[in-house]
C-alpha atoms as a PDB file:
ATOM      1  CA  UNK A   1      -0.329   0.077   0.200  1.00  0.00           C
ATOM      2  CA  UNK A   2       2.720   2.221   0.543  1.00  0.00           C
ATOM      3  CA  UNK A   3       4.408   1.587  -2.648  1.00  0.00           C
ATOM      4  CA  UNK A   4       1.078   2.494  -4.521  1.00  0.00           C
ATOM      5  CA  UNK A   5       0.673   5.926  -2.876  1.00  0.00           C
ATOM      6  CA  UNK A   6       4.702   6.553  -3.162  1.00  0.00           C
ATOM      7  CA  UNK A   7       4.474   5.704  -6.851  1.00  0.00           C
ATOM      8  CA  UNK A   8       0.989   8.333  -7.082  1.00  0.00           C
ATOM      9  CA  UNK A   9       3.035  10.912  -5.301  1.00  0.00           C
ATOM     10  CA  UNK A  10       5.997  10.699  -7.725  1.00  0.00           C
ATOM     11  CA  UNK A  11       3.810  10.925 -10.422  1.00  0.00           C
ATOM     12  CA  UNK A  12       1.037  12.625  -9.490  1.00  0.00           C
ATOM     13  CA  UNK A  13       2.275  14.935  -7.175  1.00  0.00           C
ATOM     14  CA  UNK A  14       1.121  15.485  -3.476  1.00  0.00           C
ATOM     15  CA  UNK A  15      -1.878  15.912  -4.318  1.00  0.00           C
ATOM     16  CA  UNK A  16      -1.934  12.400  -6.380  1.00  0.00           C
ATOM     17  CA  UNK A  17      -4.271  10.115  -4.384  1.00  0.00           C
ATOM     18  CA  UNK A  18      -6.808  12.722  -3.846  1.00  0.00           C
ATOM     19  CA  UNK A  19      -7.070  13.019  -7.305  1.00  0.00           C
ATOM     20  CA  UNK A  20      -7.375   9.114  -7.514  1.00  0.00           C
ATOM     21  CA  UNK A  21      -9.712   9.107  -5.039  1.00  0.00           C
ATOM     22  CA  UNK A  22     -11.786  11.681  -7.299  1.00  0.00           C
ATOM     23  CA  UNK A  23     -11.664   9.881  -9.994  1.00  0.00           C
ATOM     24  CA  UNK A  24     -12.609   6.672  -8.633  1.00  0.00           C
ATOM     25  CA  UNK A  25     -15.974   8.228  -7.028  1.00  0.00           C
ATOM     26  CA  UNK A  26     -16.499   9.739 -10.856  1.00  0.00           C
ATOM     27  CA  UNK A  27     -16.385   6.605 -12.298  1.00  0.00           C
ATOM     28  CA  UNK A  28     -18.301   4.541  -9.962  1.00  0.00           C
ATOM     29  CA  UNK A  29     -20.883   7.426 -10.556  1.00  0.00           C
ATOM     30  CA  UNK A  30     -20.600   7.251 -14.252  1.00  0.00           C
ATOM     31  CA  UNK A  31     -20.989   3.475 -13.804  1.00  0.00           C
ATOM     32  CA  UNK A  32     -24.487   3.757 -12.035  1.00  0.00           C
ATOM     33  CA  UNK A  33     -26.238   5.991 -13.939  1.00  0.00           C
ATOM     34  CA  UNK A  34     -26.948   3.668 -16.409  1.00  0.00           C
ATOM     35  CA  UNK A  35     -28.776   1.430 -13.884  1.00  0.00           C
ATOM     36  CA  UNK A  36     -30.423   4.416 -12.398  1.00  0.00           C
ATOM     37  CA  UNK A  37     -31.587   5.088 -15.606  1.00  0.00           C
ATOM     38  CA  UNK A  38     -32.906   1.732 -16.514  1.00  0.00           C
ATOM     39  CA  UNK A  39     -36.600   1.625 -15.351  1.00  0.00           C
ATOM     40  CA  UNK A  40     -39.048  -0.523 -16.494  1.00  0.00           C
ATOM     41  CA  UNK A  41     -42.794   1.731 -16.931  1.00  0.00           C
ATOM     42  CA  UNK A  42     -45.197  -0.336 -14.321  1.00  0.00           C
ATOM     43  CA  UNK A  43     -48.529  -0.431 -17.137  1.00  0.00           C
ATOM     44  CA  UNK A  44     -50.328   0.784 -13.569  1.00  0.00           C
ATOM     45  CA  UNK A  45     -48.001   3.740 -13.460  1.00  0.00           C
ATOM     46  CA  UNK A  46     -48.971   4.131 -17.076  1.00  0.00           C
ATOM     47  CA  UNK A  47     -52.704   3.826 -16.097  1.00  0.00           C
ATOM     48  CA  UNK A  48     -52.366   6.454 -12.678  1.00  0.00           C
ATOM     49  CA  UNK A  49     -50.382   9.123 -15.040  1.00  0.00           C
ATOM     50  CA  UNK A  50     -53.395   9.376 -17.710  1.00  0.00           C
ATOM     51  CA  UNK A  51     -55.897   8.937 -14.877  1.00  0.00           C
ATOM     52  CA  UNK A  52     -53.973  12.710 -13.515  1.00  0.00           C
ATOM     53  CA  UNK A  53     -54.163  13.977 -16.964  1.00  0.00           C
ATOM     54  CA  UNK A  54     -57.677  13.726 -17.100  1.00  0.00           C
ATOM     55  CA  UNK A  55     -58.198  14.681 -13.513  1.00  0.00           C
ATOM     56  CA  UNK A  56     -55.901  17.977 -13.764  1.00  0.00           C
ATOM     57  CA  UNK A  57     -58.278  19.112 -16.672  1.00  0.00           C
ATOM     58  CA  UNK A  58     -61.086  18.874 -14.366  1.00  0.00           C
ATOM     59  CA  UNK A  59     -59.281  19.999 -10.881  1.00  0.00           C
ATOM     60  CA  UNK A  60     -56.993  21.993 -12.069  1.00  0.00           C
ATOM     61  CA  UNK A  61     -54.026  22.766  -9.344  1.00  0.00           C
ATOM     62  CA  UNK A  62     -56.097  20.901  -6.464  1.00  0.00           C
ATOM     63  CA  UNK A  63     -55.095  17.511  -8.192  1.00  0.00           C
ATOM     64  CA  UNK A  64     -53.327  15.486  -5.098  1.00  0.00           C
ATOM     65  CA  UNK A  65     -50.520  14.336  -8.454  1.00  0.00           C
ATOM     66  CA  UNK A  66     -49.309  17.589  -8.507  1.00  0.00           C
ATOM     67  CA  UNK A  67     -48.532  17.579  -4.778  1.00  0.00           C
ATOM     68  CA  UNK A  68     -46.533  14.518  -5.031  1.00  0.00           C
ATOM     69  CA  UNK A  69     -43.989  16.033  -7.515  1.00  0.00           C
ATOM     70  CA  UNK A  70     -41.215  15.588  -4.903  1.00  0.00           C
ATOM     71  CA  UNK A  71     -41.334  11.858  -4.679  1.00  0.00           C
ATOM     72  CA  UNK A  72     -41.868  11.420  -8.595  1.00  0.00           C
ATOM     73  CA  UNK A  73     -38.566  13.047  -9.443  1.00  0.00           C
ATOM     74  CA  UNK A  74     -36.929  10.018  -7.509  1.00  0.00           C
ATOM     75  CA  UNK A  75     -38.744   7.336  -9.084  1.00  0.00           C
ATOM     76  CA  UNK A  76     -36.156   7.081 -12.226  1.00  0.00           C
ATOM     77  CA  UNK A  77     -33.857   6.217  -9.369  1.00  0.00           C
ATOM     78  CA  UNK A  78     -36.056   3.726  -7.714  1.00  0.00           C
ATOM     79  CA  UNK A  79     -34.041   0.270  -9.014  1.00  0.00           C
ATOM     80  CA  UNK A  80     -30.949   2.320  -7.489  1.00  0.00           C
ATOM     81  CA  UNK A  81     -32.662   3.519  -4.355  1.00  0.00           C
ATOM     82  CA  UNK A  82     -34.520   0.375  -3.276  1.00  0.00           C
ATOM     83  CA  UNK A  83     -33.481  -3.092  -1.880  1.00  0.00           C
ATOM     84  CA  UNK A  84     -33.899  -5.254  -4.811  1.00  0.00           C
ATOM     85  CA  UNK A  85     -35.398  -8.225  -2.935  1.00  0.00           C
ATOM     86  CA  UNK A  86     -38.911  -8.172  -1.418  1.00  0.00           C
ATOM     87  CA  UNK A  87     -37.141  -9.266   2.115  1.00  0.00           C
ATOM     88  CA  UNK A  88     -34.962  -6.369   2.320  1.00  0.00           C
ATOM     89  CA  UNK A  89     -37.474  -4.182   1.172  1.00  0.00           C
ATOM     90  CA  UNK A  90     -40.131  -4.860   4.612  1.00  0.00           C
ATOM     91  CA  UNK A  91     -37.167  -4.587   6.704  1.00  0.00           C
ATOM     92  CA  UNK A  92     -36.425  -1.663   5.481  1.00  0.00           C
ATOM     93  CA  UNK A  93     -40.008  -0.267   5.800  1.00  0.00           C
ATOM     94  CA  UNK A  94     -40.616  -1.457   8.968  1.00  0.00           C
ATOM     95  CA  UNK A  95     -37.358   0.247  10.228  1.00  0.00           C
ATOM     96  CA  UNK A  96     -38.629   3.511   8.974  1.00  0.00           C
ATOM     97  CA  UNK A  97     -42.124   2.662  10.502  1.00  0.00           C
ATOM     98  CA  UNK A  98     -40.493   2.542  13.986  1.00  0.00           C
ATOM     99  CA  UNK A  99     -39.133   5.880  13.326  1.00  0.00           C
ATOM    100  CA  UNK A 100     -42.079   7.070  12.419  1.00  0.00           C
ATOM    101  CA  UNK A 101     -41.983   7.613   8.881  1.00  0.00           C
ATOM    102  CA  UNK A 102     -44.648   5.559   7.041  1.00  0.00           C
ATOM    103  CA  UNK A 103     -44.594   7.089   3.535  1.00  0.00           C
ATOM    104  CA  UNK A 104     -44.992   4.815   1.037  1.00  0.00           C
ATOM    105  CA  UNK A 105     -42.073   6.555  -0.770  1.00  0.00           C
ATOM    106  CA  UNK A 106     -39.623   6.340   2.862  1.00  0.00           C
ATOM    107  CA  UNK A 107     -37.057   4.122   1.874  1.00  0.00           C
ATOM    108  CA  UNK A 108     -36.829   5.538  -1.632  1.00  0.00           C
ATOM    109  CA  UNK A 109     -35.978   8.898   0.270  1.00  0.00           C
ATOM    110  CA  UNK A 110     -34.165   7.540   2.789  1.00  0.00           C
ATOM    111  CA  UNK A 111     -31.432   6.008   0.835  1.00  0.00           C
ATOM    112  CA  UNK A 112     -31.401   9.048  -1.895  1.00  0.00           C
ATOM    113  CA  UNK A 113     -30.859  10.844   1.452  1.00  0.00           C
ATOM    114  CA  UNK A 114     -28.224   9.031   2.315  1.00  0.00           C
ATOM    115  CA  UNK A 115     -26.213   8.215  -0.697  1.00  0.00           C
ATOM    116  CA  UNK A 116     -26.104  12.275  -1.003  1.00  0.00           C
ATOM    117  CA  UNK A 117     -24.744  12.838   1.978  1.00  0.00           C
ATOM    118  CA  UNK A 118     -22.170  10.627   1.401  1.00  0.00           C
ATOM    119  CA  UNK A 119     -20.921  12.601  -1.982  1.00  0.00           C
ATOM    120  CA  UNK A 120     -21.709  15.745  -0.346  1.00  0.00           C
ATOM    121  CA  UNK A 121     -19.233  15.238   2.550  1.00  0.00           C
ATOM    122  CA  UNK A 122     -16.696  13.310   0.415  1.00  0.00           C
ATOM    123  CA  UNK A 123     -16.838  16.287  -1.447  1.00  0.00           C
ATOM    124  CA  UNK A 124     -16.368  18.564   1.177  1.00  0.00           C
ATOM    125  CA  UNK A 125     -13.457  16.131   2.547  1.00  0.00           C
ATOM    126  CA  UNK A 126     -11.175  16.474  -0.999  1.00  0.00           C
ATOM    127  CA  UNK A 127     -11.363  20.191  -0.530  1.00  0.00           C
ATOM    128  CA  UNK A 128     -10.532  20.446   2.771  1.00  0.00           C
ATOM    129  CA  UNK A 129      -7.434  17.872   1.661  1.00  0.00           C
ATOM    130  CA  UNK A 130      -7.073  20.608  -0.250  1.00  0.00           C
ATOM    131  CA  UNK A 131      -7.146  23.450   1.468  1.00  0.00           C
ATOM    132  CA  UNK A 132      -5.026  22.123   4.021  1.00  0.00           C
ATOM    133  CA  UNK A 133      -2.144  20.643   1.166  1.00  0.00           C
ATOM    134  CA  UNK A 134      -2.351  23.883  -0.276  1.00  0.00           C
ATOM    135  CA  UNK A 135      -1.547  25.728   3.402  1.00  0.00           C
ATOM    136  CA  UNK A 136       0.850  23.503   4.800  1.00  0.00           C
ATOM    137  CA  UNK A 137       4.485  24.101   3.571  1.00  0.00           C
ATOM    138  CA  UNK A 138       5.408  20.393   3.211  1.00  0.00           C
ATOM    139  CA  UNK A 139       2.060  19.113   2.759  1.00  0.00           C
ATOM    140  CA  UNK A 140       0.393  16.477   4.690  1.00  0.00           C
ATOM    141  CA  UNK A 141       0.939  13.483   4.357  1.00  0.00           C
ATOM    142  CA  UNK A 142      -0.725  10.609   2.260  1.00  0.00           C
ATOM    143  CA  UNK A 143      -2.434   8.739   5.337  1.00  0.00           C
ATOM    144  CA  UNK A 144      -3.603  12.221   6.065  1.00  0.00           C
ATOM    145  CA  UNK A 145      -4.893  13.184   3.010  1.00  0.00           C
ATOM    146  CA  UNK A 146      -6.979   9.710   2.628  1.00  0.00           C
ATOM    147  CA  UNK A 147      -8.260  10.154   6.047  1.00  0.00           C
ATOM    148  CA  UNK A 148      -9.443  13.749   5.367  1.00  0.00           C
ATOM    149  CA  UNK A 149     -11.467  12.595   2.460  1.00  0.00           C
ATOM    150  CA  UNK A 150     -13.115   9.080   3.537  1.00  0.00           C
ATOM    151  CA  UNK A 151     -13.742  10.015   6.981  1.00  0.00           C
ATOM    152  CA  UNK A 152     -16.167  12.845   6.315  1.00  0.00           C
ATOM    153  CA  UNK A 153     -17.540  10.629   3.732  1.00  0.00           C
ATOM    154  CA  UNK A 154     -18.436   7.438   5.951  1.00  0.00           C
ATOM    155  CA  UNK A 155     -19.458  10.366   8.267  1.00  0.00           C
ATOM    156  CA  UNK A 156     -22.054  11.541   5.658  1.00  0.00           C
ATOM    157  CA  UNK A 157     -23.134   7.995   4.783  1.00  0.00           C
ATOM    158  CA  UNK A 158     -24.206   6.820   8.355  1.00  0.00           C
ATOM    159  CA  UNK A 159     -25.578   9.616   9.637  1.00  0.00           C
ATOM    160  CA  UNK A 160     -28.666   9.135   8.343  1.00  0.00           C
ATOM    161  CA  UNK A 161     -28.817   6.014  10.197  1.00  0.00           C
ATOM    162  CA  UNK A 162     -27.855   7.040  12.954  1.00  0.00           C
ATOM    163  CA  UNK A 163     -30.815   9.969  13.057  1.00  0.00           C
ATOM    164  CA  UNK A 164     -33.307   7.254  12.117  1.00  0.00           C
ATOM    165  CA  UNK A 165     -32.361   5.139  15.217  1.00  0.00           C
ATOM    166  CA  UNK A 166     -32.393   7.636  17.746  1.00  0.00           C
ATOM    167  CA  UNK A 167     -35.514   8.503  16.567  1.00  0.00           C
ATOM    168  CA  UNK A 168     -36.773   4.995  16.949  1.00  0.00           C
ATOM    169  CA  UNK A 169     -35.693   5.163  20.557  1.00  0.00           C
ATOM    170  CA  UNK A 170     -36.847   8.338  21.422  1.00  0.00           C
ATOM    171  CA  UNK A 171     -40.572   7.072  19.927  1.00  0.00           C
ATOM    172  CA  UNK A 172     -40.341   4.051  22.628  1.00  0.00           C
ATOM    173  CA  UNK A 173     -39.563   6.121  25.150  1.00  0.00           C
ATOM    174  CA  UNK A 174     -42.547   8.234  24.453  1.00  0.00           C
ATOM    175  CA  UNK A 175     -44.778   5.129  23.562  1.00  0.00           C
ATOM    176  CA  UNK A 176     -43.840   3.310  26.980  1.00  0.00           C
ATOM    177  CA  UNK A 177     -44.216   6.203  29.157  1.00  0.00           C
ATOM    178  CA  UNK A 178     -47.253   7.242  27.826  1.00  0.00           C
ATOM    179  CA  UNK A 179     -49.225   3.952  27.586  1.00  0.00           C
ATOM    180  CA  UNK A 180     -50.550   3.790  30.886  1.00  0.00           C
ATOM    181  CA  UNK A 181     -52.800   6.932  31.256  1.00  0.00           C
ATOM    182  CA  UNK A 182     -53.307   5.860  27.692  1.00  0.00           C
ATOM    183  CA  UNK A 183     -54.665   2.325  29.243  1.00  0.00           C
ATOM    184  CA  UNK A 184     -56.578   4.303  31.844  1.00  0.00           C
ATOM    185  CA  UNK A 185     -58.238   6.689  28.887  1.00  0.00           C
ATOM    186  CA  UNK A 186     -59.072   3.586  26.906  1.00  0.00           C
ATOM    187  CA  UNK A 187     -60.839   1.819  30.119  1.00  0.00           C
ATOM    188  CA  UNK A 188     -62.676   4.883  31.034  1.00  0.00           C
ATOM    189  CA  UNK A 189     -64.014   5.094  27.301  1.00  0.00           C
ATOM    190  CA  UNK A 190     -65.079   1.471  27.291  1.00  0.00           C
ATOM    191  CA  UNK A 191     -66.596   1.390  31.062  1.00  0.00           C
ATOM    192  CA  UNK A 192     -68.696   4.516  29.338  1.00  0.00           C
ATOM    193  CA  UNK A 193     -70.009   2.295  27.076  1.00  0.00           C
ATOM    194  CA  UNK A 194     -68.280   2.369  23.790  1.00  0.00           C
ATOM    195  CA  UNK A 195     -66.687   0.034  21.958  1.00  0.00           C
ATOM    196  CA  UNK A 196     -62.870  -1.293  21.546  1.00  0.00           C
ATOM    197  CA  UNK A 197     -62.885   0.773  18.207  1.00  0.00           C
ATOM    198  CA  UNK A 198     -64.433   3.612  19.283  1.00  0.00           C
ATOM    199  CA  UNK A 199     -62.141   3.886  22.335  1.00  0.00           C
ATOM    200  CA  UNK A 200     -59.102   3.634  20.670  1.00  0.00           C
ATOM    201  CA  UNK A 201     -60.382   6.609  18.211  1.00  0.00           C
ATOM    202  CA  UNK A 202     -60.996   8.979  21.138  1.00  0.00           C
ATOM    203  CA  UNK A 203     -57.719   8.088  23.061  1.00  0.00           C
ATOM    204  CA  UNK A 204     -56.097   9.104  19.348  1.00  0.00           C
ATOM    205  CA  UNK A 205     -57.285  12.785  19.970  1.00  0.00           C
ATOM    206  CA  UNK A 206     -56.807  12.836  23.478  1.00  0.00           C
ATOM    207  CA  UNK A 207     -53.150  11.966  23.464  1.00  0.00           C
ATOM    208  CA  UNK A 208     -51.808  14.169  20.448  1.00  0.00           C
ATOM    209  CA  UNK A 209     -50.312  16.940  22.930  1.00  0.00           C
ATOM    210  CA  UNK A 210     -49.045  15.323  25.376  1.00  0.00           C
ATOM    211  CA  UNK A 211     -47.864  12.005  23.320  1.00  0.00           C
ATOM    212  CA  UNK A 212     -48.155  12.522  20.204  1.00  0.00           C
ATOM    213  CA  UNK A 213     -46.492   9.795  18.517  1.00  0.00           C
ATOM    214  CA  UNK A 214     -48.549   7.389  20.706  1.00  0.00           C
ATOM    215  CA  UNK A 215     -51.623   8.820  19.456  1.00  0.00           C
ATOM    216  CA  UNK A 216     -50.176   8.460  15.811  1.00  0.00           C
ATOM    217  CA  UNK A 217     -50.143   4.961  16.438  1.00  0.00           C
ATOM    218  CA  UNK A 218     -53.654   4.554  17.851  1.00  0.00           C
ATOM    219  CA  UNK A 219     -55.194   6.861  15.014  1.00  0.00           C
ATOM    220  CA  UNK A 220     -52.898   4.245  12.515  1.00  0.00           C
ATOM    221  CA  UNK A 221     -54.842   1.154  14.462  1.00  0.00           C
ATOM    222  CA  UNK A 222     -57.726   3.144  14.170  1.00  0.00           C
ATOM    223  CA  UNK A 223     -57.793   4.133  10.134  1.00  0.00           C
ATOM    224  CA  UNK A 224     -56.565   0.300   9.367  1.00  0.00           C
ATOM    225  CA  UNK A 225     -59.705  -0.962  11.432  1.00  0.00           C
ATOM    226  CA  UNK A 226     -62.120   1.662   9.448  1.00  0.00           C
ATOM    227  CA  UNK A 227     -60.464  -0.070   6.206  1.00  0.00           C
ATOM    228  CA  UNK A 228     -62.232  -3.224   6.957  1.00  0.00           C
ATOM    229  CA  UNK A 229     -58.932  -5.285   7.916  1.00  0.00           C
ATOM    230  CA  UNK A 230     -58.724  -8.104  10.733  1.00  0.00           C
ATOM    231  CA  UNK A 231     -58.195  -6.506  14.096  1.00  0.00           C
ATOM    232  CA  UNK A 232     -55.837  -9.065  15.487  1.00  0.00           C
ATOM    233  CA  UNK A 233     -53.617  -8.718  12.310  1.00  0.00           C
ATOM    234  CA  UNK A 234     -53.835  -4.849  12.517  1.00  0.00           C
ATOM    235  CA  UNK A 235     -52.884  -5.411  16.896  1.00  0.00           C
ATOM    236  CA  UNK A 236     -49.969  -7.324  15.976  1.00  0.00           C
ATOM    237  CA  UNK A 237     -48.768  -4.672  13.941  1.00  0.00           C
ATOM    238  CA  UNK A 238     -49.328  -2.032  16.038  1.00  0.00           C
ATOM    239  CA  UNK A 239     -47.149  -4.096  18.679  1.00  0.00           C
ATOM    240  CA  UNK A 240     -44.625  -4.327  15.916  1.00  0.00           C
ATOM    241  CA  UNK A 241     -44.419  -1.272  15.266  1.00  0.00           C
ATOM    242  CA  UNK A 242     -44.454  -0.087  18.647  1.00  0.00           C
ATOM    243  CA  UNK A 243     -41.275  -2.217  19.641  1.00  0.00           C
ATOM    244  CA  UNK A 244     -41.891  -1.713  23.153  1.00  0.00           C
ATOM    245  CA  UNK A 245     -42.621  -5.098  25.324  1.00  0.00           C
ATOM    246  CA  UNK A 246     -45.743  -3.232  27.042  1.00  0.00           C
ATOM    247  CA  UNK A 247     -47.640  -2.658  24.293  1.00  0.00           C
ATOM    248  CA  UNK A 248     -46.688  -6.615  22.551  1.00  0.00           C
ATOM    249  CA  UNK A 249     -48.111  -7.933  25.543  1.00  0.00           C
ATOM    250  CA  UNK A 250     -51.322  -5.552  26.111  1.00  0.00           C
ATOM    251  CA  UNK A 251     -51.738  -7.097  21.921  1.00  0.00           C
ATOM    252  CA  UNK A 252     -51.571 -10.142  23.647  1.00  0.00           C
ATOM    253  CA  UNK A 253     -54.059 -10.274  25.940  1.00  0.00           C
ATOM    254  CA  UNK A 254     -56.067  -7.772  23.370  1.00  0.00           C
ATOM    255  CA  UNK A 255     -56.582 -10.891  21.071  1.00  0.00           C
ATOM    256  CA  UNK A 256     -56.917 -13.680  23.462  1.00  0.00           C
ATOM    257  CA  UNK A 257     -60.125 -11.648  25.203  1.00  0.00           C
ATOM    258  CA  UNK A 258     -61.483 -11.499  21.911  1.00  0.00           C
ATOM    259  CA  UNK A 259     -60.592 -15.184  20.871  1.00  0.00           C
ATOM    260  CA  UNK A 260     -62.553 -16.607  24.073  1.00  0.00           C
ATOM    261  CA  UNK A 261     -65.316 -13.942  24.363  1.00  0.00           C
ATOM    262  CA  UNK A 262     -63.800 -12.491  28.036  1.00  0.00           C
ATOM    263  CA  UNK A 263     -64.801  -9.303  29.071  1.00  0.00           C
ATOM    264  CA  UNK A 264     -61.902  -6.772  27.882  1.00  0.00           C
ATOM    265  CA  UNK A 265     -63.123  -4.120  30.428  1.00  0.00           C
ATOM    266  CA  UNK A 266     -61.917  -6.316  32.918  1.00  0.00           C
ATOM    267  CA  UNK A 267     -58.768  -7.379  30.804  1.00  0.00           C
ATOM    268  CA  UNK A 268     -58.326  -3.570  30.827  1.00  0.00           C
ATOM    269  CA  UNK A 269     -58.498  -2.834  34.385  1.00  0.00           C
ATOM    270  CA  UNK A 270     -55.882  -5.252  35.453  1.00  0.00           C
ATOM    271  CA  UNK A 271     -53.334  -4.663  32.472  1.00  0.00           C
ATOM    272  CA  UNK A 272     -53.641  -0.701  33.378  1.00  0.00           C
ATOM    273  CA  UNK A 273     -52.847  -1.375  36.902  1.00  0.00           C
ATOM    274  CA  UNK A 274     -50.083  -3.675  36.223  1.00  0.00           C
ATOM    275  CA  UNK A 275     -48.807  -1.134  33.853  1.00  0.00           C
ATOM    276  CA  UNK A 276     -48.872   1.582  36.410  1.00  0.00           C
ATOM    277  CA  UNK A 277     -47.083  -0.265  38.835  1.00  0.00           C
ATOM    278  CA  UNK A 278     -44.385  -0.639  36.477  1.00  0.00           C
ATOM    279  CA  UNK A 279     -44.299   3.054  35.699  1.00  0.00           C
ATOM    280  CA  UNK A 280     -43.670   3.193  39.455  1.00  0.00           C
ATOM    281  CA  UNK A 281     -41.298   0.626  39.417  1.00  0.00           C
ATOM    282  CA  UNK A 282     -39.085   2.217  36.916  1.00  0.00           C
ATOM    283  CA  UNK A 283     -39.272   5.637  38.430  1.00  0.00           C
ATOM    284  CA  UNK A 284     -37.749   3.655  41.542  1.00  0.00           C
ATOM    285  CA  UNK A 285     -34.827   2.062  39.532  1.00  0.00           C
ATOM    286  CA  UNK A 286     -34.064   5.516  37.702  1.00  0.00           C
ATOM    287  CA  UNK A 287     -33.685   6.990  41.598  1.00  0.00           C
ATOM    288  CA  UNK A 288     -31.855   3.887  42.937  1.00  0.00           C
ATOM    289  CA  UNK A 289     -29.285   4.703  39.973  1.00  0.00           C
ATOM    290  CA  UNK A 290     -28.996   8.384  41.018  1.00  0.00           C
ATOM    291  CA  UNK A 291     -26.444   7.411  44.002  1.00  0.00           C
ATOM    292  CA  UNK A 292     -24.265   5.024  41.656  1.00  0.00           C
ATOM    293  CA  UNK A 293     -23.827   7.750  38.949  1.00  0.00           C
ATOM    294  CA  UNK A 294     -22.650   9.970  41.672  1.00  0.00           C
ATOM    295  CA  UNK A 295     -20.270   8.132  42.680  1.00  0.00           C
ATOM    296  CA  UNK A 296     -17.655   8.600  39.976  1.00  0.00           C
ATOM    297  CA  UNK A 297     -18.218  12.408  39.858  1.00  0.00           C
ATOM    298  CA  UNK A 298     -18.110  12.714  43.483  1.00  0.00           C
ATOM    299  CA  UNK A 299     -14.354  10.587  43.531  1.00  0.00           C
ATOM    300  CA  UNK A 300     -13.206  13.063  40.814  1.00  0.00           C
ATOM    301  CA  UNK A 301     -14.014  16.069  41.884  1.00  0.00           C
ATOM    302  CA  UNK A 302     -13.648  15.950  45.809  1.00  0.00           C
ATOM    303  CA  UNK A 303     -10.984  13.027  46.604  1.00  0.00           C
ATOM    304  CA  UNK A 304      -8.336  15.069  44.342  1.00  0.00           C
ATOM    305  CA  UNK A 305      -8.846  18.420  46.292  1.00  0.00           C
ATOM    306  CA  UNK A 306      -9.303  16.918  49.529  1.00  0.00           C
ATOM    307  CA  UNK A 307      -5.864  14.995  48.961  1.00  0.00           C
ATOM    308  CA  UNK A 308      -4.186  17.958  48.194  1.00  0.00           C
ATOM    309  CA  UNK A 309      -5.706  19.710  51.375  1.00  0.00           C
ATOM    310  CA  UNK A 310      -3.932  16.792  53.505  1.00  0.00           C
ATOM    311  CA  UNK A 311      -1.236  15.863  51.700  1.00  0.00           C
ATOM    312  CA  UNK A 312       0.104  18.625  50.371  1.00  0.00           C
ATOM    313  CA  UNK A 313       1.855  20.615  52.881  1.00  0.00           C
ATOM    314  CA  UNK A 314       3.416  17.568  54.237  1.00  0.00           C
ATOM    315  CA  UNK A 315       5.061  16.675  50.882  1.00  0.00           C
ATOM    316  CA  UNK A 316       6.090  20.512  50.721  1.00  0.00           C
ATOM    317  CA  UNK A 317       7.993  20.018  53.690  1.00  0.00           C
ATOM    318  CA  UNK A 318       9.596  16.660  52.177  1.00  0.00           C
ATOM    319  CA  UNK A 319      10.938  18.738  49.534  1.00  0.00           C
ATOM    320  CA  UNK A 320      12.166  21.474  51.391  1.00  0.00           C
ATOM    321  CA  UNK A 321      14.236  19.005  53.924  1.00  0.00           C
ATOM    322  CA  UNK A 322      15.437  17.631  50.786  1.00  0.00           C
ATOM    323  CA  UNK A 323      16.480  20.317  49.522  1.00  0.00           C
ATOM    324  CA  UNK A 324      18.368  21.608  53.042  1.00  0.00           C
ATOM    325  CA  UNK A 325      19.971  18.309  52.778  1.00  0.00           C
ATOM    326  CA  UNK A 326      21.288  18.435  49.252  1.00  0.00           C
ATOM    327  CA  UNK A 327      23.093  21.650  50.335  1.00  0.00           C
END
């Protein structure tokens, strides 16, 4: 590797590695353009386009097709930006849905952002390496130049994935914190005479301001039930999207209560009480962790000054005695 870098530097100068990396990146982009452009036109898309053209003549600028112009621009790159297998596509869609991105083009948009940020930060790395090499009198080393180019590119490529993972964790925490309150309100709605479906709709409206992620999930459940989907299937999908163990246990209780014909209100009452107890236990657990977490800070900021105060005078006297003996 060092011999190759030395050869490139001798032939092209100090900026040789950056030039080679830029050339290889440009070649990769040019090689992928034909595959991005090769997208077969789906007959269903043709039919939708013809219907949209007819609708534009009658509806004018209020056509919903015009509001989707942003996603239409990425359709010709769908073969490049979307996973090839159906399994990977399903996994990516569920992963983004757990973060709250439920658009049909969420997977395509995510990969487009990831690809664009990777190339953008890679270009910034090349510019930074060129400026650093120009300002330095002796020039930067080849290893530093390569790292200055590749590290920003890697950061730009993995930053969107990190963002989605952090958003998933935040939504899980919000759903876990708000689920006991949602169960209490759902229990009140069911005991007041409403059905489970009506109670879910009412709870989704009440939780919009306090727990928007949980309200969105309940609203999705109500829409799927209204669309005619099987209730156990809808509830299982709700548990999978949330990723919270308490929600998945609640889904299991509701499905079993429906299958065996037991009282939904009684099941909700028992499970809501259990969720309240779990919330209290989580709060006590967090409170009990505080002394342990404070121990390290206490040791770092208390013990060194205390040692200086106690041992410092003795050390000073010893040093003075050693000086006097040396004389």
